[in-house]
Amino acid sequence: ETTQIGNDRTEQVGHDEVINIGHNRTETVGQDEVITINRDQQRSIGRNRITKIEKDEILNINNQQQTTIHADYTIETGNDYTIEVSGSAEWTAGELIEHQAEIFHSEGYEEVVIESQAGKVIINGEGITLIGHVTIEGSLAYESGSPEAVNPFETNINETSRLDLIDIPLS
């Protein structure tokens, strides 16, 4: 059966509609398509789903989103990648979390803690605390005090005694 409609077509179904296609189906829309579903949508795909979008995709979810993937998951971005979380964020890996970058910047507004079974590193407003057995390989530079502090005067000026130790009669 072939149906050809010259201009517009409106179809209205009073209750339910069921379409059963024995093999393949191809649908082409020349310009835009709008689909409104007033309640739920469910799809079951027996094998692969491939989507190609030539420009942008915007997904707006007013409640939760959950994705379950039983094999690998790969994200590839040609430019920047930003994640913003209003509450807390957590990553859990069974084996390894690895970061590779030319510059790696991690910031905690109040405290940064790196922790494992052997100890931890705490960086906060009080300083840097190392807890556990610490091994340093290579040279170690140690500086103390404030680099902008003024050195106190020597008590011996030009190798003479201080004036308050000499008994000078005042007249």
Foldseek 3Di string as FASTA:
>chain_A
DDDDDDDDDDDDDPDDDDDDDDDDDDDDDPDDDDDDDPDDDDDDDPDDDDDDDPDDDDDDDPDDDDDDDPDDDDDDDPDDDDDDDPDDDDDDDPPDDDDDDPDDDDDDPAWDWDDDPQWIWIAGPVGIDTGHDDDDPDDDDDDDDDPPDDDDDDCQDVNDHHPVVDDDDDD
